[in-house]
């Protein structure tokens, strides 16, 4: 029983570690993608560090994000086939 519990905990910790790493990579990729859109619209975003989902700024088919850059933070709503809605919040 003790070995099975140890094995289960080892596997569970491995899955959590992989999930955390995958989430960190996804967050980095999201920050880069959202920052690219913001820059293309003329906003300054140096060194994007984080893009977190913003459910309060999302609508059906439009994803909201809080983008954190070294010099500013933005509330961004990505709208397919249109310019994003960008609001400086910092």
Protein backbone atom coordinates (compact mmCIF):
# COMPACT_ATOMS: atom_id res chain seq x y z
CA UNK A 1 0.00 0.00 0.00
CA UNK A 2 2.79 2.45 0.89
CA UNK A 3 4.62 1.85 -2.41
CA UNK A 4 1.48 2.40 -4.43
CA UNK A 5 0.82 5.66 -2.63
CA UNK A 6 4.41 6.77 -3.21
CA UNK A 7 4.13 5.86 -6.90
CA UNK A 8 0.83 7.71 -7.22
CA UNK A 9 2.26 10.84 -5.55
CA UNK A 10 5.35 10.74 -7.78
CA UNK A 11 3.20 10.52 -10.90
CA UNK A 12 0.83 13.23 -9.66
CA UNK A 13 3.72 15.60 -8.91
CA UNK A 14 5.19 14.91 -12.35
CA UNK A 15 1.89 15.76 -14.03
CA UNK A 16 1.56 18.97 -12.00
CA UNK A 17 5.13 19.97 -12.92
CA UNK A 18 4.47 19.35 -16.61
CA UNK A 19 1.18 21.24 -16.45
CA UNK A 20 2.82 24.21 -14.74
CA UNK A 21 5.57 24.33 -17.35
CA UNK A 22 3.04 24.09 -20.17
CA UNK A 23 0.95 26.88 -18.65
CA UNK A 24 4.02 29.12 -18.28
CA UNK A 25 4.96 28.53 -21.93
CA UNK A 26 1.38 29.19 -23.05
CA UNK A 27 1.34 32.42 -21.04
CA UNK A 28 4.60 33.55 -22.66
CA UNK A 29 3.22 32.77 -26.12
CA UNK A 30 -0.04 34.59 -25.35
CA UNK A 31 1.90 37.64 -24.14
CA UNK A 32 3.93 37.71 -27.36
CA UNK A 33 0.85 37.32 -29.57
CA UNK A 34 -1.24 39.95 -27.78
CA UNK A 35 1.75 42.33 -27.63
CA UNK A 36 2.25 41.98 -31.39
CA UNK A 37 -1.36 43.02 -32.02
CA UNK A 38 -1.07 45.96 -29.61
CA UNK A 39 2.15 47.16 -31.26
CA UNK A 40 0.65 46.86 -34.76
CA UNK A 41 -2.02 49.29 -33.60
CA UNK A 42 0.58 51.84 -32.50
CA UNK A 43 0.79 51.16 -28.77
CA UNK A 44 4.14 50.82 -27.01
CA UNK A 45 4.76 47.45 -25.34
CA UNK A 46 8.35 46.75 -24.49
CA UNK A 47 9.22 43.38 -22.99
CA UNK A 48 5.78 41.77 -22.68
CA UNK A 49 5.84 39.61 -19.58
CA UNK A 50 2.32 38.30 -19.14
CA UNK A 51 -1.07 38.04 -20.81
CA UNK A 52 -3.83 36.77 -18.57
CA UNK A 53 -7.38 36.02 -19.70
CA UNK A 54 -9.86 38.73 -18.78
CA UNK A 55 -13.33 37.15 -18.61
CA UNK A 56 -14.94 40.49 -17.73
CA UNK A 57 -13.69 41.93 -21.05
CA UNK A 58 -14.58 38.89 -23.17
CA UNK A 59 -17.65 38.36 -25.31
CA UNK A 60 -18.78 35.52 -27.52
CA UNK A 61 -16.06 35.11 -30.14
CA UNK A 62 -13.93 37.91 -28.65
CA UNK A 63 -11.23 37.05 -26.11
CA UNK A 64 -10.23 39.61 -23.49
CA UNK A 65 -6.72 39.85 -22.05
CA UNK A 66 -4.75 41.88 -19.54
CA UNK A 67 -1.35 42.46 -21.13
CA UNK A 68 1.56 43.42 -18.88
CA UNK A 69 4.60 45.02 -20.50
CA UNK A 70 7.70 46.55 -18.92
CA UNK A 71 6.42 50.06 -19.63
CA UNK A 72 2.61 49.73 -19.45
CA UNK A 73 -0.38 47.45 -19.00
CA UNK A 74 -3.34 47.18 -21.35
CA UNK A 75 -6.83 45.72 -21.37
CA UNK A 76 -7.15 44.15 -24.82
CA UNK A 77 -10.11 42.52 -26.55
CA UNK A 78 -9.16 40.57 -29.67
CA UNK A 79 -11.89 40.72 -32.29
CA UNK A 80 -11.63 38.42 -35.32
CA UNK A 81 -11.03 40.24 -38.64
CA UNK A 82 -10.96 43.65 -36.92
CA UNK A 83 -8.61 45.80 -34.89
CA UNK A 84 -8.38 44.89 -31.22
CA UNK A 85 -9.95 47.13 -28.62
CA UNK A 86 -7.03 48.41 -26.52
CA UNK A 87 -7.24 50.39 -23.28
CA UNK A 88 -4.22 51.64 -21.35
CA UNK A 89 -4.67 50.69 -17.70
CA UNK A 90 -1.29 51.61 -16.27
